[in-house]
Structures are given as structure tokens and as C-alpha cells.
């Protein structure tokens, strides 16, 4: 009699521990570009680009267990879980990495060109001597006025910028106008 009660309690505990706000899960493979691009969800940010179609589409969510490194094209196997009761303005999907299928690094010197980037409050910043493009650190190539670009923040203007890959996940601003 006592053995049945213990088994029943263990079964109940297992059921309770598995009960959460997540629904069904599936696996999918996605290829992400080696760079991020400005996008707007709640605020302006940098988004990953899904390369699985001809056009490329923004990926606004985060991927649990995955740290993007600039200059690397990734093909990932992802577990996608439906969130039954997501928070307001939150995604109804949760992504987590199952496997890195491939990780291909760009050549040093690869250029990333951005046209008509809107200069909002945090588009280009400088903190403790480090420059940032929407949170992505970058170096300033000699002869490029990065401080002038930072000073244009929050002007509502538009700017064209070109970054160059210098290896090890690092980029440098080579021109803006």
C-alpha cells in the first residue's frame, strides 16, 4: 500500500514539474547572414537576417544558447516552442539552439553597406572610448570622423555607412555620409 502512494506522489511531481507555459515544439533549420541590419520592433535595434529565402527577412527574436558573432554565416538547427500565454508585445515563439550545422567566417575586408540609416537617440554612441552601432561595438578607421557621426544622433537625419570586417568578429567604420 505504501509503495503505491510513493509511486503516485512521484508521478504527480513529474507531471507538475513539466507543466509550464510552453506548448508544442518543432525543429527547423535556418541560415543567418554574417551581419545584422537595423530594424524596428519596440525600438530601433539590429536584427539577424534569415537567408532561407531569396529576399532575406528580419529575425527579431533571440535564440537561447546562441551568441551571434559578426562576420559569421550560420546554419542552425533550432527548436521552436509555442508559448501558450506570451507576455504583451512578446513573441509567441521561443527559439533555442539544437545544433550549429555550419559556421562560415567572412573574409577580412568584407564590406557591409547600410543606406539611409535613421539617426535616432541610440543609433551611434560612444562609451568609455568604444563606438557602438545600435549596441554593436566597432572601431573607427583612421581619418573617419566617428565623433561627428555620434554627434548627429537624435537629429532625425539619415546617413549611409560602410563597415569592413577586420576578423575575430570585429568591424571598423570606413566611411559615412
Protein backbone atom coordinates (compact mmCIF):
# COMPACT_ATOMS: atom_id res chain seq x y z
CA UNK A 1 0.00 0.00 0.00
CA UNK A 2 2.77 2.43 0.88
CA UNK A 3 4.64 1.67 -2.34
CA UNK A 4 1.63 2.71 -4.47
CA UNK A 5 1.32 6.01 -2.64
CA UNK A 6 5.01 6.84 -3.22
CA UNK A 7 4.72 5.97 -6.93
CA UNK A 8 1.58 8.09 -7.17
CA UNK A 9 3.35 11.04 -5.50
CA UNK A 10 6.38 10.72 -7.79
CA UNK A 11 4.08 10.60 -10.84
CA UNK A 12 2.25 13.73 -9.66
CA UNK A 13 5.52 15.57 -9.06
CA UNK A 14 6.76 14.71 -12.53
CA UNK A 15 3.54 15.95 -14.10
CA UNK A 16 3.64 19.20 -12.12
CA UNK A 17 7.29 19.86 -12.96
CA UNK A 18 6.57 19.51 -16.67
CA UNK A 19 3.59 21.87 -16.60
CA UNK A 20 4.63 25.29 -17.94
CA UNK A 21 3.53 27.97 -20.38
CA UNK A 22 5.06 26.22 -23.37
CA UNK A 23 3.11 24.28 -25.93
CA UNK A 24 4.26 22.14 -28.79
CA UNK A 25 7.78 22.18 -30.16
CA UNK A 26 9.24 21.59 -33.59
CA UNK A 27 12.67 21.62 -35.20
CA UNK A 28 13.64 23.87 -38.10
CA UNK A 29 16.86 24.72 -39.92
CA UNK A 30 17.62 28.37 -40.63
CA UNK A 31 20.58 30.12 -42.24
CA UNK A 32 21.55 33.53 -40.85
CA UNK A 33 23.61 36.19 -42.66
CA UNK A 34 27.03 37.17 -41.34
CA UNK A 35 25.82 40.64 -40.34
CA UNK A 36 22.87 42.29 -38.66
CA UNK A 37 20.83 45.15 -40.04
CA UNK A 38 18.78 47.96 -38.46
CA UNK A 39 15.16 47.09 -37.83
CA UNK A 40 12.39 48.41 -35.63
CA UNK A 41 10.23 46.38 -33.26
CA UNK A 42 9.60 48.15 -29.95
CA UNK A 43 12.63 50.34 -30.69
CA UNK A 44 15.37 50.56 -33.30
CA UNK A 45 17.78 47.62 -32.98
CA UNK A 46 19.98 45.31 -35.02
CA UNK A 47 18.27 42.16 -36.30
CA UNK A 48 19.63 38.93 -37.69
CA UNK A 49 18.77 38.26 -41.33
CA UNK A 50 17.33 34.88 -42.32
CA UNK A 51 18.81 33.87 -45.67
CA UNK A 52 16.48 30.94 -46.32
CA UNK A 53 14.56 32.83 -48.97
CA UNK A 54 15.59 34.99 -51.92
CA UNK A 55 14.68 38.26 -50.22
CA UNK A 56 16.00 37.70 -46.70
CA UNK A 57 13.83 38.53 -43.73
CA UNK A 58 14.37 40.08 -40.32
CA UNK A 59 14.63 37.82 -37.28
CA UNK A 60 13.53 39.86 -34.25
CA UNK A 61 13.73 37.18 -31.55
CA UNK A 62 16.64 35.89 -29.51
CA UNK A 63 17.90 32.31 -29.69
CA UNK A 64 18.56 30.68 -26.34
CA UNK A 65 22.09 29.22 -26.21
CA UNK A 66 23.31 31.10 -29.32
CA UNK A 67 25.76 34.00 -29.37
CA UNK A 68 25.97 35.64 -32.79
CA UNK A 69 29.47 36.71 -33.89
CA UNK A 70 29.67 39.36 -36.61
CA UNK A 71 31.26 38.11 -39.82
CA UNK A 72 29.99 34.54 -39.44
CA UNK A 73 27.22 32.97 -41.53
CA UNK A 74 25.43 30.31 -39.51
CA UNK A 75 23.23 27.43 -40.44
CA UNK A 76 21.42 26.38 -37.26
CA UNK A 77 19.08 23.64 -36.21
CA UNK A 78 16.55 25.35 -33.94
CA UNK A 79 13.96 24.07 -31.53
CA UNK A 80 10.87 26.27 -31.83
CA UNK A 81 8.39 26.14 -28.97
CA UNK A 82 4.95 27.74 -28.97
CA UNK A 83 4.40 29.97 -25.93
CA UNK A 84 0.82 29.49 -24.76
CA UNK A 85 0.48 32.75 -22.80
CA UNK A 86 3.20 35.16 -24.02
CA UNK A 87 3.71 38.50 -22.32
CA UNK A 88 2.21 41.54 -24.01
CA UNK A 89 4.33 42.58 -27.04
CA UNK A 90 6.42 39.39 -26.65
CA UNK A 91 6.86 36.68 -29.23
CA UNK A 92 4.57 33.67 -29.16
CA UNK A 93 7.58 31.52 -30.11
CA UNK A 94 10.68 30.60 -28.14
CA UNK A 95 13.82 29.64 -30.06
CA UNK A 96 16.68 27.56 -28.69
CA UNK A 97 19.68 26.14 -30.47
CA UNK A 98 19.83 22.41 -31.04
CA UNK A 99 22.94 22.30 -33.23
CA UNK A 100 25.29 24.53 -35.25
CA UNK A 101 25.27 22.85 -38.65
CA UNK A 102 27.80 25.27 -40.17
CA UNK A 103 29.72 28.41 -39.21
CA UNK A 104 31.49 30.12 -42.12
CA UNK A 105 33.59 33.23 -41.46
CA UNK A 106 33.65 36.13 -43.93
CA UNK A 107 36.95 37.15 -45.49
CA UNK A 108 38.78 40.03 -43.85
CA UNK A 109 37.86 43.10 -45.88
CA UNK A 110 34.24 42.10 -46.46
CA UNK A 111 32.12 45.25 -46.55
CA UNK A 112 28.70 45.82 -45.03
CA UNK A 113 26.90 48.82 -46.52
CA UNK A 114 23.84 50.42 -44.96
CA UNK A 115 21.77 53.05 -46.76
CA UNK A 116 19.52 55.61 -45.14
CA UNK A 117 20.10 54.63 -41.51
CA UNK A 118 17.86 56.80 -39.33
CA UNK A 119 19.77 58.75 -36.68
CA UNK A 120 17.77 58.17 -33.53
CA UNK A 121 18.86 58.54 -29.92
CA UNK A 122 20.99 55.37 -29.71
CA UNK A 123 21.94 54.67 -33.35
CA UNK A 124 25.61 55.60 -32.95
CA UNK A 125 27.10 56.04 -29.50
CA UNK A 126 30.45 56.21 -27.76
CA UNK A 127 31.00 54.94 -24.23
CA UNK A 128 34.37 54.71 -22.47
CA UNK A 129 36.16 55.26 -25.78
CA UNK A 130 34.27 52.49 -27.61
CA UNK A 131 31.94 53.25 -30.54
CA UNK A 132 28.64 51.38 -30.97
CA UNK A 133 26.21 50.95 -33.85
CA UNK A 134 22.89 50.04 -32.19
CA UNK A 135 24.80 48.18 -29.49
CA UNK A 136 27.34 46.54 -31.83
CA UNK A 137 30.88 47.71 -30.99
CA UNK A 138 33.01 48.93 -33.87
CA UNK A 139 36.37 50.55 -34.45
CA UNK A 140 36.84 53.82 -36.28
CA UNK A 141 39.18 53.75 -39.28
CA UNK A 142 41.85 56.45 -39.26
CA UNK A 143 40.58 59.60 -40.97
CA UNK A 144 36.88 58.83 -40.41
CA UNK A 145 35.04 61.33 -38.18
CA UNK A 146 33.23 58.87 -35.90
CA UNK A 147 32.71 61.53 -33.21
CA UNK A 148 30.94 63.70 -35.80
CA UNK A 149 28.65 60.77 -36.60
CA UNK A 150 27.88 60.22 -32.91
CA UNK A 151 27.08 63.93 -32.56
CA UNK A 152 24.40 63.59 -35.28
CA UNK A 153 22.41 61.15 -33.14
CA UNK A 154 18.81 62.09 -32.45
CA UNK A 155 18.83 64.54 -35.37
CA UNK A 156 16.23 62.54 -37.27
CA UNK A 157 18.53 62.61 -40.28
CA UNK A 158 19.56 59.72 -42.48
CA UNK A 159 23.07 58.50 -43.12
CA UNK A 160 24.82 55.95 -45.33
CA UNK A 161 27.54 53.94 -43.58
CA UNK A 162 30.04 51.29 -44.61
CA UNK A 163 31.72 48.88 -42.22
CA UNK A 164 34.56 46.49 -43.02
CA UNK A 165 35.24 43.13 -41.41
CA UNK A 166 38.66 43.05 -39.72
CA UNK A 167 38.46 39.50 -38.34
CA UNK A 168 37.62 37.91 -34.99
CA UNK A 169 34.04 39.23 -35.09
CA UNK A 170 35.25 42.86 -35.27
CA UNK A 171 34.17 45.60 -37.69
CA UNK A 172 35.51 49.05 -38.44
CA UNK A 173 33.65 52.05 -39.84
CA UNK A 174 35.36 53.00 -43.09
CA UNK A 175 33.02 55.76 -44.34
CA UNK A 176 29.77 57.59 -43.76
CA UNK A 177 27.88 60.39 -45.48
